[in-house]
Amino acid sequence: SEVFEILGTGNRANPLRRALAEPFFGDELYIDFQIEYDAGSVDMPDEGDGEFFVLWLDQEEGSFSDSHSGNIPNVGIHTDGTTNRFMARYNSGGEAFATELKGGQSYRIVARLWKSEPGKDLPFNRLDLWVDPSSDQEHTPLATRTSKAAPSTVRWIGFSTGRKTEPGDRI
């Protein structure tokens, strides 16, 4: 597996994005990745403004600075106001939070993007998130979100930083 280091910019950035070999129209898509946030670069919400970093799944590539957040499935890290947590969301302000992020620790993130009603043209209206899942957690995600206006196709996947991701942050 490939390893990438992503640095913050202090602004929105999509430093790593790829088109899928073929557009995905199926009813269920699983994503699995490892993430480690450098311990020395994690800002706590009570001392700074917290952290933000997501993996997004979209029909469009977007530009280097697109937010990929308007009914677009995201899993990643955001502040709940008091701590930095892993989260699932479709829209800014609509996060479902899970495990607290601790810098310098490696996490396995698993997400399930799926259609509650099967069909090529129907939206991926459900997003589930697990952090370091065990084999008995298949039916009990730590966070779940829904959106009726989600895309029906996934053509692009990427990682995005936000304004909370400072230039010294290493992911």
C-alpha atoms as a PDB file:
ATOM      1  CA  SER A   1       0.000   0.000   0.000  1.00  0.00           C
ATOM      2  CA  GLU A   2       1.120   3.534  -0.713  1.00  0.00           C
ATOM      3  CA  VAL A   3       1.917   6.052   2.002  1.00  0.00           C
ATOM      4  CA  PHE A   4       1.360   9.771   1.476  1.00  0.00           C
ATOM      5  CA  GLU A   5       2.254  12.694   3.710  1.00  0.00           C
ATOM      6  CA  ILE A   6      -0.173  15.595   3.452  1.00  0.00           C
ATOM      7  CA  LEU A   7       0.760  18.989   4.843  1.00  0.00           C
ATOM      8  CA  GLY A   8      -1.689  21.686   5.834  1.00  0.00           C
ATOM      9  CA  THR A   9      -1.966  24.952   3.935  1.00  0.00           C
ATOM     10  CA  GLY A  10      -4.041  27.067   6.332  1.00  0.00           C
ATOM     11  CA  ASN A  11      -6.811  26.961   3.730  1.00  0.00           C
ATOM     12  CA  ARG A  12      -8.960  24.467   1.836  1.00  0.00           C
ATOM     13  CA  ALA A  13      -6.901  22.163  -0.335  1.00  0.00           C
ATOM     14  CA  ASN A  14      -7.382  18.866  -2.199  1.00  0.00           C
ATOM     15  CA  PRO A  15      -3.753  17.767  -2.421  1.00  0.00           C
ATOM     16  CA  LEU A  16      -4.517  14.133  -3.216  1.00  0.00           C
ATOM     17  CA  ARG A  17      -7.430  13.226  -5.499  1.00  0.00           C
ATOM     18  CA  ARG A  18      -7.925  10.520  -8.080  1.00  0.00           C
ATOM     19  CA  ALA A  19     -10.527   9.520 -10.640  1.00  0.00           C
ATOM     20  CA  LEU A  20     -11.822   5.978 -10.256  1.00  0.00           C
ATOM     21  CA  ALA A  21     -10.910   3.662 -13.134  1.00  0.00           C
ATOM     22  CA  GLU A  22     -14.660   3.479 -13.835  1.00  0.00           C
ATOM     23  CA  PRO A  23     -17.580   5.410 -12.314  1.00  0.00           C
ATOM     24  CA  PHE A  24     -19.206   3.481  -9.462  1.00  0.00           C
ATOM     25  CA  PHE A  25     -22.996   3.132  -9.683  1.00  0.00           C
ATOM     26  CA  GLY A  26     -23.401   0.130  -7.351  1.00  0.00           C
ATOM     27  CA  ASP A  27     -25.463   0.062  -4.175  1.00  0.00           C
ATOM     28  CA  GLU A  28     -22.657  -0.180  -1.599  1.00  0.00           C
ATOM     29  CA  LEU A  29     -19.045   1.013  -1.467  1.00  0.00           C
ATOM     30  CA  TYR A  30     -16.544   0.396   1.344  1.00  0.00           C
ATOM     31  CA  ILE A  31     -13.510   2.611   1.950  1.00  0.00           C
ATOM     32  CA  ASP A  32     -10.645   1.531   4.201  1.00  0.00           C
ATOM     33  CA  PHE A  33      -7.551   3.613   4.994  1.00  0.00           C
ATOM     34  CA  GLN A  34      -4.968   4.249   7.720  1.00  0.00           C
ATOM     35  CA  ILE A  35      -4.343   7.745   9.092  1.00  0.00           C
ATOM     36  CA  GLU A  36      -1.880   9.204  11.552  1.00  0.00           C
ATOM     37  CA  TYR A  37      -1.895  12.865  12.555  1.00  0.00           C
ATOM     38  CA  ASP A  38       1.508  14.075  13.794  1.00  0.00           C
ATOM     39  CA  ALA A  39       1.267  14.565  17.570  1.00  0.00           C
ATOM     40  CA  GLY A  40       3.249  17.801  17.503  1.00  0.00           C
ATOM     41  CA  SER A  41       0.866  19.473  15.079  1.00  0.00           C
ATOM     42  CA  VAL A  42      -2.539  18.710  16.638  1.00  0.00           C
ATOM     43  CA  ASP A  43      -4.323  21.868  17.867  1.00  0.00           C
ATOM     44  CA  MET A  44      -6.952  21.365  20.523  1.00  0.00           C
ATOM     45  CA  PRO A  45     -10.168  23.389  20.174  1.00  0.00           C
ATOM     46  CA  ASP A  46      -9.713  24.991  23.612  1.00  0.00           C
ATOM     47  CA  GLU A  47      -6.145  26.140  22.762  1.00  0.00           C
ATOM     48  CA  GLY A  48      -6.490  26.817  19.008  1.00  0.00           C
ATOM     49  CA  ASP A  49      -9.237  26.169  16.521  1.00  0.00           C
ATOM     50  CA  GLY A  50      -8.982  22.380  16.362  1.00  0.00           C
ATOM     51  CA  GLU A  51      -8.357  20.196  13.325  1.00  0.00           C
ATOM     52  CA  PHE A  52     -10.061  19.354  10.029  1.00  0.00           C
ATOM     53  CA  PHE A  53      -9.217  16.688   7.451  1.00  0.00           C
ATOM     54  CA  VAL A  54     -11.513  14.514   5.296  1.00  0.00           C
ATOM     55  CA  LEU A  55     -11.714  11.846   2.655  1.00  0.00           C
ATOM     56  CA  TRP A  56     -14.470  12.770   0.175  1.00  0.00           C
ATOM     57  CA  LEU A  57     -16.346  10.815  -2.526  1.00  0.00           C
ATOM     58  CA  ASP A  58     -17.856  12.849  -5.364  1.00  0.00           C
ATOM     59  CA  GLN A  59     -19.135  12.810  -8.926  1.00  0.00           C
ATOM     60  CA  GLU A  60     -16.870  15.773  -9.736  1.00  0.00           C
ATOM     61  CA  GLU A  61     -13.141  16.340  -9.382  1.00  0.00           C
ATOM     62  CA  GLY A  62     -13.500  19.934  -8.312  1.00  0.00           C
ATOM     63  CA  SER A  63     -10.560  22.286  -8.039  1.00  0.00           C
ATOM     64  CA  PHE A  64      -7.629  22.366  -5.646  1.00  0.00           C
ATOM     65  CA  SER A  65      -9.643  24.499  -3.191  1.00  0.00           C
ATOM     66  CA  ASP A  66     -13.172  23.010  -3.433  1.00  0.00           C
ATOM     67  CA  SER A  67     -14.793  22.046  -0.142  1.00  0.00           C
ATOM     68  CA  HIS A  68     -16.593  18.883  -1.379  1.00  0.00           C
ATOM     69  CA  SER A  69     -19.182  19.341   1.370  1.00  0.00           C
ATOM     70  CA  GLY A  70     -22.574  20.163  -0.194  1.00  0.00           C
ATOM     71  CA  ASN A  71     -24.319  16.774   0.159  1.00  0.00           C
ATOM     72  CA  ILE A  72     -20.986  15.078  -0.590  1.00  0.00           C
ATOM     73  CA  PRO A  73     -19.990  12.153   1.660  1.00  0.00           C
ATOM     74  CA  ASN A  74     -16.994  12.961   3.903  1.00  0.00           C
ATOM     75  CA  VAL A  75     -15.268  10.943   6.617  1.00  0.00           C
ATOM     76  CA  GLY A  76     -12.437  12.400   8.618  1.00  0.00           C
ATOM     77  CA  ILE A  77     -11.531  14.680  11.507  1.00  0.00           C
ATOM     78  CA  HIS A  78     -13.314  17.777  12.809  1.00  0.00           C
ATOM     79  CA  THR A  79     -13.863  19.493  16.128  1.00  0.00           C
ATOM     80  CA  ASP A  80     -17.061  18.894  18.061  1.00  0.00           C
ATOM     81  CA  GLY A  81     -16.393  22.171  19.902  1.00  0.00           C
ATOM     82  CA  THR A  82     -14.353  20.651  22.727  1.00  0.00           C
ATOM     83  CA  THR A  83     -12.271  17.849  21.115  1.00  0.00           C
ATOM     84  CA  ASN A  84     -11.022  16.702  17.730  1.00  0.00           C
ATOM     85  CA  ARG A  85     -13.032  13.657  16.662  1.00  0.00           C
ATOM     86  CA  PHE A  86     -13.461  11.386  13.702  1.00  0.00           C
ATOM     87  CA  MET A  87     -16.707  12.129  11.938  1.00  0.00           C
ATOM     88  CA  ALA A  88     -19.032  11.320   9.058  1.00  0.00           C
ATOM     89  CA  ARG A  89     -20.983  14.031   7.242  1.00  0.00           C
ATOM     90  CA  TYR A  90     -22.595  15.211   4.030  1.00  0.00           C
ATOM     91  CA  ASN A  91     -22.761  18.908   4.949  1.00  0.00           C
ATOM     92  CA  SER A  92     -20.837  21.334   7.102  1.00  0.00           C
ATOM     93  CA  GLY A  93     -22.532  21.505  10.493  1.00  0.00           C
ATOM     94  CA  GLY A  94     -24.164  18.083  10.030  1.00  0.00           C
ATOM     95  CA  GLU A  95     -21.434  15.888  11.495  1.00  0.00           C
ATOM     96  CA  ALA A  96     -21.929  12.646  13.376  1.00  0.00           C
ATOM     97  CA  PHE A  97     -18.933  12.246  15.681  1.00  0.00           C
ATOM     98  CA  ALA A  98     -17.042   9.145  16.785  1.00  0.00           C
ATOM     99  CA  THR A  99     -13.684   8.436  18.452  1.00  0.00           C
ATOM    100  CA  GLU A 100     -11.436  11.251  19.702  1.00  0.00           C
ATOM    101  CA  LEU A 101      -8.268  11.885  17.652  1.00  0.00           C
ATOM    102  CA  LYS A 102      -5.002  11.459  19.525  1.00  0.00           C
ATOM    103  CA  GLY A 103      -1.916  12.689  17.698  1.00  0.00           C
ATOM    104  CA  GLY A 104       0.869  10.235  16.916  1.00  0.00           C
ATOM    105  CA  GLN A 105      -1.494   7.241  16.881  1.00  0.00           C
ATOM    106  CA  SER A 106      -2.352   5.286  13.741  1.00  0.00           C
ATOM    107  CA  TYR A 107      -6.057   4.654  13.089  1.00  0.00           C
ATOM    108  CA  ARG A 108      -7.844   2.364  10.658  1.00  0.00           C
ATOM    109  CA  ILE A 109     -10.849   4.151   9.174  1.00  0.00           C
ATOM    110  CA  VAL A 110     -13.606   2.145   7.482  1.00  0.00           C
ATOM    111  CA  ALA A 111     -16.571   3.810   5.820  1.00  0.00           C
ATOM    112  CA  ARG A 112     -19.608   2.345   4.103  1.00  0.00           C
ATOM    113  CA  LEU A 113     -21.378   4.514   1.532  1.00  0.00           C
ATOM    114  CA  TRP A 114     -24.626   2.913   0.477  1.00  0.00           C
ATOM    115  CA  LYS A 115     -28.068   3.299  -0.996  1.00  0.00           C
ATOM    116  CA  SER A 116     -30.984   2.416   1.280  1.00  0.00           C
ATOM    117  CA  GLU A 117     -32.976   1.789  -1.916  1.00  0.00           C
ATOM    118  CA  PRO A 118     -30.975  -0.037  -4.604  1.00  0.00           C
ATOM    119  CA  GLY A 119     -30.741   1.473  -8.061  1.00  0.00           C
ATOM    120  CA  LYS A 120     -28.233   3.029 -10.439  1.00  0.00           C
ATOM    121  CA  ASP A 121     -29.864   6.472 -10.398  1.00  0.00           C
ATOM    122  CA  LEU A 122     -30.709   6.590  -6.682  1.00  0.00           C
ATOM    123  CA  PRO A 123     -28.528   8.526  -4.207  1.00  0.00           C
ATOM    124  CA  PHE A 124     -25.856   7.165  -1.883  1.00  0.00           C
ATOM    125  CA  ASN A 125     -27.991   8.416   0.996  1.00  0.00           C
ATOM    126  CA  ARG A 126     -26.310   6.578   3.905  1.00  0.00           C
ATOM    127  CA  LEU A 127     -22.790   6.918   5.259  1.00  0.00           C
ATOM    128  CA  ASP A 128     -21.436   4.779   8.119  1.00  0.00           C
ATOM    129  CA  LEU A 129     -18.085   5.164   9.905  1.00  0.00           C
ATOM    130  CA  TRP A 130     -15.961   2.836  12.014  1.00  0.00           C
ATOM    131  CA  VAL A 131     -12.645   3.702  13.701  1.00  0.00           C
ATOM    132  CA  ASP A 132     -10.370   0.733  14.440  1.00  0.00           C
ATOM    133  CA  PRO A 133     -13.311  -1.675  14.050  1.00  0.00           C
ATOM    134  CA  SER A 134     -13.382  -5.175  15.465  1.00  0.00           C
ATOM    135  CA  SER A 135     -14.943  -8.065  13.557  1.00  0.00           C
ATOM    136  CA  ASP A 136     -18.106  -7.995  15.702  1.00  0.00           C
ATOM    137  CA  GLN A 137     -18.912  -4.336  14.865  1.00  0.00           C
ATOM    138  CA  GLU A 138     -20.106  -4.913  11.287  1.00  0.00           C
ATOM    139  CA  HIS A 139     -23.666  -3.810  12.079  1.00  0.00           C
ATOM    140  CA  THR A 140     -22.805  -1.132  14.663  1.00  0.00           C
ATOM    141  CA  PRO A 141     -20.998   1.837  13.120  1.00  0.00           C
ATOM    142  CA  LEU A 142     -19.732   4.543  15.468  1.00  0.00           C
ATOM    143  CA  ALA A 143     -21.271   7.321  13.354  1.00  0.00           C
ATOM    144  CA  THR A 144     -23.983   7.415  10.662  1.00  0.00           C
ATOM    145  CA  ARG A 145     -25.320  10.208   8.466  1.00  0.00           C
ATOM    146  CA  THR A 146     -27.989  10.417   5.752  1.00  0.00           C
ATOM    147  CA  SER A 147     -28.691  12.746   2.828  1.00  0.00           C
ATOM    148  CA  LYS A 148     -31.515  12.570   0.283  1.00  0.00           C
ATOM    149  CA  ALA A 149     -29.546  14.877  -2.064  1.00  0.00           C
ATOM    150  CA  ALA A 150     -26.325  12.823  -2.160  1.00  0.00           C
ATOM    151  CA  PRO A 151     -24.772  11.801  -5.500  1.00  0.00           C
ATOM    152  CA  SER A 152     -25.860   8.580  -7.192  1.00  0.00           C
ATOM    153  CA  THR A 153     -22.420   7.984  -8.726  1.00  0.00           C
ATOM    154  CA  VAL A 154     -18.878   8.126  -7.393  1.00  0.00           C
ATOM    155  CA  ARG A 155     -16.272   9.147  -9.971  1.00  0.00           C
ATOM    156  CA  TRP A 156     -13.649  10.855  -7.759  1.00  0.00           C
ATOM    157  CA  ILE A 157     -12.041  10.205  -4.372  1.00  0.00           C
ATOM    158  CA  GLY A 158      -9.772  12.590  -2.522  1.00  0.00           C
ATOM    159  CA  PHE A 159      -8.402  13.951   0.718  1.00  0.00           C
ATOM    160  CA  SER A 160      -9.081  17.535   1.696  1.00  0.00           C
ATOM    161  CA  THR A 161      -7.687  19.888   4.287  1.00  0.00           C
ATOM    162  CA  GLY A 162      -9.522  22.919   5.637  1.00  0.00           C
ATOM    163  CA  ARG A 163      -8.790  26.268   7.225  1.00  0.00           C
ATOM    164  CA  LYS A 164      -8.104  24.552  10.558  1.00  0.00           C
ATOM    165  CA  THR A 165      -5.239  22.567   8.941  1.00  0.00           C
ATOM    166  CA  GLU A 166      -2.237  24.850   9.473  1.00  0.00           C
ATOM    167  CA  PRO A 167       0.912  24.822   7.305  1.00  0.00           C
ATOM    168  CA  GLY A 168       2.825  22.940  10.037  1.00  0.00           C
ATOM    169  CA  ASP A 169       0.287  20.087  10.234  1.00  0.00           C
ATOM    170  CA  ARG A 170       1.523  16.692   9.047  1.00  0.00           C
ATOM    171  CA  ILE A 171      -0.952  13.928   8.222  1.00  0.00           C
END
